[in-house]
Amino acid sequence: MGTSFIRPTLVGNINRAFSARNIEDTATRVAHLAADADAFDYVHALGFFNLPSDAELAAYKADTNIPPLNKAIMAMAFQTAIAGKIPLSFAIIGGHAEAVQVTTSDSLISVVLTRID
């Protein structure tokens, strides 16, 4: 399964949706998701993946080679942003190892996902 989105567009959409200006609206839009929703669920619910069904989302999540720990850390960052209506900044960069870095303050959660692909 190939990616169904362009990364710069995806990152831009996430950053707009989770900006200080839009975080409350975004939190309301995804409030219907289960408490264990992950970053992929939020992005899909907001319409940022071009995946027509939840089954395709499940297949995409299973196929992606992001390590489980990194997925869990990203999920917690997105969940915290939504629950606390704290703006979130997101970036995807290239590197030599899969990684996720999260920095937080009372006014911003910053997530940098490093991918080797």
Protein backbone atom coordinates (compact mmCIF):
# COMPACT_ATOMS: atom_id res chain seq x y z
CA MET A 1 0.00 0.00 0.00
CA GLY A 2 1.53 3.32 -1.01
CA THR A 3 1.05 6.49 0.91
CA SER A 4 -2.22 8.18 0.10
CA PHE A 5 -1.07 11.68 0.97
CA ILE A 6 1.77 14.09 0.31
CA ARG A 7 3.77 14.65 3.48
CA PRO A 8 4.16 18.45 3.22
CA THR A 9 0.41 18.77 2.67
CA LEU A 10 -0.32 16.40 5.57
CA VAL A 11 2.01 18.30 7.91
CA GLY A 12 0.50 21.64 6.87
CA ASN A 13 -3.03 20.37 7.45
CA ILE A 14 -2.13 19.00 10.89
CA ASN A 15 -0.39 22.22 11.90
CA ARG A 16 -3.36 24.34 10.79
CA ALA A 17 -5.89 22.11 12.56
CA PHE A 18 -3.90 21.97 15.79
CA SER A 19 -2.85 25.64 15.81
CA ALA A 20 -3.76 27.94 18.69
CA ARG A 21 -6.46 29.45 16.51
CA ASN A 22 -8.08 26.10 15.60
CA ILE A 23 -7.38 23.65 18.43
CA GLU A 24 -10.77 24.10 20.12
CA ASP A 25 -12.65 23.45 16.88
CA THR A 26 -10.42 20.47 16.12
CA ALA A 27 -10.98 19.03 19.61
CA THR A 28 -14.72 19.32 19.07
CA ARG A 29 -14.51 17.68 15.61
CA VAL A 30 -12.70 14.62 16.96
CA ALA A 31 -14.47 14.38 20.32
CA HIS A 32 -16.48 11.40 19.04
CA LEU A 33 -13.37 9.21 18.78
CA ALA A 34 -12.65 6.58 21.39
CA ALA A 35 -10.38 7.41 24.31
CA ASP A 36 -7.68 5.17 22.81
CA ALA A 37 -7.61 7.02 19.46
CA ASP A 38 -4.14 7.46 18.04
CA ALA A 39 -2.55 10.09 15.80
CA PHE A 40 -3.65 8.19 12.69
CA ASP A 41 -7.27 8.10 13.90
CA TYR A 42 -7.29 11.87 14.48
CA VAL A 43 -5.70 12.63 11.12
CA HIS A 44 -8.13 10.29 9.36
CA ALA A 45 -11.17 11.74 11.17
CA LEU A 46 -10.10 15.24 10.12
CA GLY A 47 -9.98 14.09 6.48
CA PHE A 48 -6.22 14.46 6.00
CA PHE A 49 -5.66 10.89 4.75
CA ASN A 50 -7.15 9.93 1.41
CA LEU A 51 -8.40 6.63 2.81
CA PRO A 52 -12.07 6.03 2.10
CA SER A 53 -12.71 3.53 4.87
CA ASP A 54 -11.75 2.63 8.40
CA ALA A 55 -10.62 -0.77 7.08
CA GLU A 56 -8.11 0.94 4.80
CA LEU A 57 -6.92 3.04 7.75
CA ALA A 58 -6.39 -0.13 9.78
CA ALA A 59 -4.42 -1.66 6.91
CA TYR A 60 -2.32 1.51 6.57
CA LYS A 61 -1.57 1.54 10.31
CA ALA A 62 -0.56 -2.12 10.18
CA ASP A 63 1.66 -1.59 7.13
CA THR A 64 3.48 1.53 8.30
CA ASN A 65 6.93 0.79 9.67
CA ILE A 66 6.83 3.33 12.50
CA PRO A 67 7.93 1.45 15.63
CA PRO A 68 5.12 0.68 18.12
CA LEU A 69 6.72 2.80 20.86
CA ASN A 70 6.91 5.81 18.52
CA LYS A 71 3.24 5.31 17.56
CA ALA A 72 2.30 5.21 21.26
CA ILE A 73 4.23 8.39 22.03
CA MET A 74 2.59 10.19 19.11
CA ALA A 75 -0.82 8.96 20.25
CA MET A 76 -0.23 10.34 23.73
CA ALA A 77 0.90 13.70 22.32
CA PHE A 78 -2.21 14.02 20.13
CA GLN A 79 -4.51 12.82 22.92
CA THR A 80 -3.01 15.38 25.32
CA ALA A 81 -3.40 18.18 22.78
CA ILE A 82 -7.05 17.27 22.19
CA ALA A 83 -7.96 16.74 25.85
CA GLY A 84 -6.26 19.92 27.04
CA LYS A 85 -6.95 21.96 23.89
CA ILE A 86 -3.21 22.64 23.75
CA PRO A 87 -1.84 23.61 20.33
CA LEU A 88 0.34 20.98 18.68
CA SER A 89 3.11 21.53 16.15
CA PHE A 90 4.03 18.57 13.93
CA ALA A 91 6.98 17.88 11.63
CA ILE A 92 8.30 14.90 9.69
CA ILE A 93 12.01 14.83 8.92
CA GLY A 94 14.40 12.32 7.39
CA GLY A 95 17.10 10.65 9.41
CA HIS A 96 19.19 7.53 9.98
CA ALA A 97 16.81 5.96 12.52
CA GLU A 98 13.10 5.97 13.26
CA ALA A 99 12.45 8.39 16.11
CA VAL A 100 9.89 10.66 17.68
CA GLN A 101 10.71 13.68 19.81
CA VAL A 102 8.07 15.45 21.88
CA THR A 103 8.60 18.67 23.76
CA THR A 104 5.89 20.27 25.83
CA SER A 105 4.96 23.44 27.62
CA ASP A 106 1.67 24.76 28.94
CA SER A 107 1.05 26.41 25.59
CA LEU A 108 2.49 24.04 22.96
CA ILE A 109 3.18 20.39 22.25
CA SER A 110 5.83 19.89 19.57
CA VAL A 111 6.16 16.53 17.81
CA VAL A 112 9.01 15.75 15.41
CA LEU A 113 8.75 12.38 13.69
CA THR A 114 11.98 11.14 12.10
CA ARG A 115 11.58 8.64 9.27
CA ILE A 116 14.28 6.67 7.46
CA ASP A 117 12.25 6.27 4.25
